[in-house]
């Protein structure tokens, strides 16, 4: 169980997504989500490093 969602609910969600996007677009959607997540992680990492540089300059 992930965050209160069980296996049954995940299967239902995946079936609905498959019906909406179709099997051909599902790979494109997955890769777009992956790129978005990696971009978000990179932005958060850059923000943290920028904040650390600002703190180092104040000292």
C-alpha atoms as a PDB file:
ATOM      1  CA  UNK A   1       0.000   0.000   0.000  1.00  0.00           C
ATOM      2  CA  UNK A   2       1.484   3.342  -1.118  1.00  0.00           C
ATOM      3  CA  UNK A   3       0.062   6.409   0.618  1.00  0.00           C
ATOM      4  CA  UNK A   4      -3.271   4.736   1.282  1.00  0.00           C
ATOM      5  CA  UNK A   5      -3.651   3.416  -2.275  1.00  0.00           C
ATOM      6  CA  UNK A   6      -3.786  -0.340  -2.601  1.00  0.00           C
ATOM      7  CA  UNK A   7      -2.940  -2.618  -5.486  1.00  0.00           C
ATOM      8  CA  UNK A   8      -6.531  -2.761  -6.689  1.00  0.00           C
ATOM      9  CA  UNK A   9      -6.793   1.011  -6.926  1.00  0.00           C
ATOM     10  CA  UNK A  10      -3.495   1.213  -8.807  1.00  0.00           C
ATOM     11  CA  UNK A  11      -4.707  -1.335 -11.351  1.00  0.00           C
ATOM     12  CA  UNK A  12      -7.924   0.629 -11.895  1.00  0.00           C
ATOM     13  CA  UNK A  13      -5.978   3.878 -12.340  1.00  0.00           C
ATOM     14  CA  UNK A  14      -3.600   2.251 -14.834  1.00  0.00           C
ATOM     15  CA  UNK A  15      -6.508   0.824 -16.850  1.00  0.00           C
ATOM     16  CA  UNK A  16      -8.183   4.244 -16.998  1.00  0.00           C
ATOM     17  CA  UNK A  17      -4.919   5.899 -18.096  1.00  0.00           C
ATOM     18  CA  UNK A  18      -4.461   3.228 -20.755  1.00  0.00           C
ATOM     19  CA  UNK A  19      -7.988   3.822 -22.054  1.00  0.00           C
ATOM     20  CA  UNK A  20      -7.493   7.595 -22.158  1.00  0.00           C
ATOM     21  CA  UNK A  21      -4.056   7.748 -23.795  1.00  0.00           C
ATOM     22  CA  UNK A  22      -3.911   4.413 -25.613  1.00  0.00           C
ATOM     23  CA  UNK A  23      -0.983   2.028 -25.715  1.00  0.00           C
ATOM     24  CA  UNK A  24       0.963   4.043 -28.310  1.00  0.00           C
ATOM     25  CA  UNK A  25       0.996   7.291 -26.312  1.00  0.00           C
ATOM     26  CA  UNK A  26       1.614   5.635 -22.942  1.00  0.00           C
ATOM     27  CA  UNK A  27       5.392   5.510 -23.473  1.00  0.00           C
ATOM     28  CA  UNK A  28       5.464   9.171 -24.461  1.00  0.00           C
ATOM     29  CA  UNK A  29       3.487  10.143 -21.378  1.00  0.00           C
ATOM     30  CA  UNK A  30       5.798   8.124 -19.141  1.00  0.00           C
ATOM     31  CA  UNK A  31       8.935   9.674 -20.589  1.00  0.00           C
ATOM     32  CA  UNK A  32       7.460  13.173 -20.297  1.00  0.00           C
ATOM     33  CA  UNK A  33       6.648  12.563 -16.635  1.00  0.00           C
ATOM     34  CA  UNK A  34      10.173  11.249 -16.068  1.00  0.00           C
ATOM     35  CA  UNK A  35      11.725  14.329 -17.692  1.00  0.00           C
ATOM     36  CA  UNK A  36       9.509  16.556 -15.569  1.00  0.00           C
ATOM     37  CA  UNK A  37      10.500  14.824 -12.349  1.00  0.00           C
ATOM     38  CA  UNK A  38      14.213  14.931 -13.201  1.00  0.00           C
ATOM     39  CA  UNK A  39      13.935  18.613 -14.106  1.00  0.00           C
ATOM     40  CA  UNK A  40      12.216  19.318 -10.806  1.00  0.00           C
ATOM     41  CA  UNK A  41      14.922  17.468  -8.873  1.00  0.00           C
ATOM     42  CA  UNK A  42      17.637  19.375 -10.735  1.00  0.00           C
ATOM     43  CA  UNK A  43      15.943  22.705 -10.008  1.00  0.00           C
ATOM     44  CA  UNK A  44      15.657  21.856  -6.312  1.00  0.00           C
ATOM     45  CA  UNK A  45      19.323  20.828  -6.207  1.00  0.00           C
ATOM     46  CA  UNK A  46      20.385  24.062  -7.930  1.00  0.00           C
ATOM     47  CA  UNK A  47      18.253  26.089  -5.517  1.00  0.00           C
ATOM     48  CA  UNK A  48      19.875  24.390  -2.529  1.00  0.00           C
ATOM     49  CA  UNK A  49      23.364  25.017  -3.876  1.00  0.00           C
ATOM     50  CA  UNK A  50      22.487  28.672  -4.555  1.00  0.00           C
ATOM     51  CA  UNK A  51      21.245  29.089  -0.979  1.00  0.00           C
ATOM     52  CA  UNK A  52      24.450  27.526   0.358  1.00  0.00           C
ATOM     53  CA  UNK A  53      26.542  29.955  -1.724  1.00  0.00           C
ATOM     54  CA  UNK A  54      24.547  32.894  -0.335  1.00  0.00           C
ATOM     55  CA  UNK A  55      25.101  31.697   3.228  1.00  0.00           C
ATOM     56  CA  UNK A  56      28.838  31.260   2.576  1.00  0.00           C
ATOM     57  CA  UNK A  57      29.086  34.815   1.228  1.00  0.00           C
ATOM     58  CA  UNK A  58      27.408  36.270   4.350  1.00  0.00           C
ATOM     59  CA  UNK A  59      29.975  34.742   6.715  1.00  0.00           C
END
